[in-house]
Amino acid sequence: DNLPSLDPESTEDTGSFLLHDREGHKHNFKFIFVKDISREFIMLMENPEKRIHEIQMNLFHPCMNGIVIDTSTRKAIKRLGIAIAASEVFSNGYDKTKIRTKMNEILRQIGLTDEN
């Protein structure tokens, strides 16, 4: 992906945490909230050799229109983002990004309507 770099004013680092894969390797996940309407809802940047992964969840994505972003909402979004990204990282599938890519496509469509 040729994405523009994130403006530090549009990001919020919410910390890092460790998860273990089946083989017992430690993986470091960094979680960032993004506030940029032009980016996907969830993005995963990886350095697989170092087992470092950055999860970016976009609070300004159109699918978030009409949703109050309070502490509980942020906690739920963070937990879902971690679950989705870690599942992708630990997947043994051929095209690991397929589910996240499809989810982002659907969320983009949902964000275009106020009915959902």
Protein backbone atom coordinates (compact mmCIF):
# COMPACT_ATOMS: atom_id res chain seq x y z
CA ASP A 1 0.00 0.00 0.00
CA ASN A 2 1.29 3.44 -0.92
CA LEU A 3 -0.30 5.33 1.93
CA PRO A 4 0.63 8.83 2.96
CA SER A 5 2.38 8.92 6.30
CA LEU A 6 0.18 9.60 9.27
CA ASP A 7 0.07 13.08 10.72
CA PRO A 8 1.04 12.81 14.41
CA GLU A 9 -1.92 15.10 15.17
CA SER A 10 -4.30 12.49 13.72
CA THR A 11 -3.04 9.52 15.75
CA GLU A 12 -3.27 8.35 19.32
CA ASP A 13 -0.93 5.62 20.51
CA THR A 14 -2.76 3.52 23.10
CA GLY A 15 0.11 1.23 24.02
CA SER A 16 1.57 -2.15 23.20
CA PHE A 17 0.92 -5.67 24.39
CA LEU A 18 2.32 -9.16 23.91
CA LEU A 19 0.54 -12.22 22.55
CA HIS A 20 2.00 -15.69 21.97
CA ASP A 21 1.56 -17.80 18.85
CA ARG A 22 1.10 -21.59 18.84
CA GLU A 23 4.85 -22.13 18.83
CA GLY A 24 5.23 -19.93 21.92
CA HIS A 25 6.88 -16.97 20.13
CA LYS A 26 6.14 -13.56 21.62
CA HIS A 27 4.56 -11.05 19.25
CA ASN A 28 4.49 -7.35 20.10
CA PHE A 29 1.30 -5.56 19.01
CA LYS A 30 1.14 -1.77 19.02
CA PHE A 31 -2.35 -0.25 18.94
CA ILE A 32 -3.08 3.18 17.43
CA PHE A 33 -6.32 5.07 16.99
CA VAL A 34 -6.31 7.04 13.73
CA LYS A 35 -8.49 10.07 12.97
CA ASP A 36 -8.40 10.30 9.17
CA ILE A 37 -11.56 9.92 7.07
CA SER A 38 -9.52 8.87 4.00
CA ARG A 39 -8.00 5.72 5.56
CA GLU A 40 -9.41 2.22 6.01
CA PHE A 41 -11.23 1.29 9.23
CA ILE A 42 -8.57 -1.22 10.24
CA MET A 43 -5.02 -1.55 9.00
CA LEU A 44 -2.22 -3.88 10.00
CA MET A 45 1.44 -3.05 9.46
CA GLU A 46 3.91 -5.83 10.15
CA ASN A 47 7.55 -6.72 10.56
CA PRO A 48 7.13 -10.52 10.69
CA GLU A 49 10.85 -11.25 11.18
CA LYS A 50 10.87 -9.16 14.38
CA ARG A 51 7.31 -10.22 15.30
CA ILE A 52 6.24 -6.58 15.58
CA HIS A 53 2.74 -5.62 14.45
CA GLU A 54 0.97 -2.24 14.41
CA ILE A 55 -2.82 -2.13 14.45
CA GLN A 56 -4.47 1.08 13.27
CA MET A 57 -8.19 1.57 13.93
CA ASN A 58 -9.78 4.62 12.31
CA LEU A 59 -12.24 6.48 14.55
CA PHE A 60 -13.10 8.91 11.71
CA HIS A 61 -14.04 6.21 9.19
CA PRO A 62 -17.51 6.82 7.66
CA CYS A 63 -18.82 3.60 9.25
CA MET A 64 -18.39 5.36 12.61
CA ASN A 65 -20.81 8.17 11.68
CA GLY A 66 -23.51 8.53 14.32
CA ILE A 67 -21.62 6.49 16.91
CA VAL A 68 -20.64 8.24 20.13
CA ILE A 69 -16.94 7.67 20.75
CA ASP A 70 -16.68 7.38 24.51
CA THR A 71 -14.40 5.30 26.73
CA SER A 72 -16.53 2.16 26.39
CA THR A 73 -16.77 2.49 22.60
CA ARG A 74 -13.01 2.92 22.35
CA LYS A 75 -12.44 -0.15 24.53
CA ALA A 76 -14.78 -2.25 22.35
CA ILE A 77 -13.16 -1.02 19.11
CA LYS A 78 -9.70 -1.76 20.51
CA ARG A 79 -10.65 -5.29 21.59
CA LEU A 80 -12.21 -6.06 18.20
CA GLY A 81 -9.21 -4.62 16.38
CA ILE A 82 -6.81 -6.72 18.42
CA ALA A 83 -8.87 -9.87 17.81
CA ILE A 84 -9.09 -9.26 14.06
CA ALA A 85 -5.43 -8.34 13.60
CA ALA A 86 -4.02 -11.09 15.84
CA SER A 87 -6.20 -13.66 14.07
CA GLU A 88 -4.71 -12.52 10.78
CA VAL A 89 -1.14 -12.56 12.13
CA PHE A 90 -1.53 -16.06 13.57
CA SER A 91 -3.41 -17.46 10.56
CA ASN A 92 -1.71 -20.08 8.43
CA GLY A 93 -3.81 -19.26 5.38
CA TYR A 94 -2.46 -18.43 1.94
CA ASP A 95 -4.06 -14.96 1.73
CA LYS A 96 -4.07 -13.77 5.32
CA THR A 97 -5.38 -10.30 4.46
CA LYS A 98 -8.50 -11.53 2.65
CA ILE A 99 -10.95 -11.24 5.56
CA ARG A 100 -9.70 -7.81 6.72
CA THR A 101 -9.78 -6.50 3.13
CA LYS A 102 -13.34 -7.76 2.60
CA MET A 103 -14.43 -6.34 5.96
CA ASN A 104 -13.04 -2.91 5.04
CA GLU A 105 -14.92 -3.03 1.71
CA ILE A 106 -18.19 -3.81 3.49
CA LEU A 107 -17.63 -1.14 6.16
CA ARG A 108 -16.96 1.42 3.41
CA GLN A 109 -20.37 0.56 1.89
CA ILE A 110 -22.09 0.71 5.28
CA GLY A 111 -20.51 4.11 5.92
CA LEU A 112 -22.22 5.47 2.80
CA THR A 113 -25.71 4.97 4.27
CA ASP A 114 -27.28 6.13 7.52
CA GLU A 115 -29.66 3.17 7.65
CA ASN A 116 -27.27 0.76 9.42
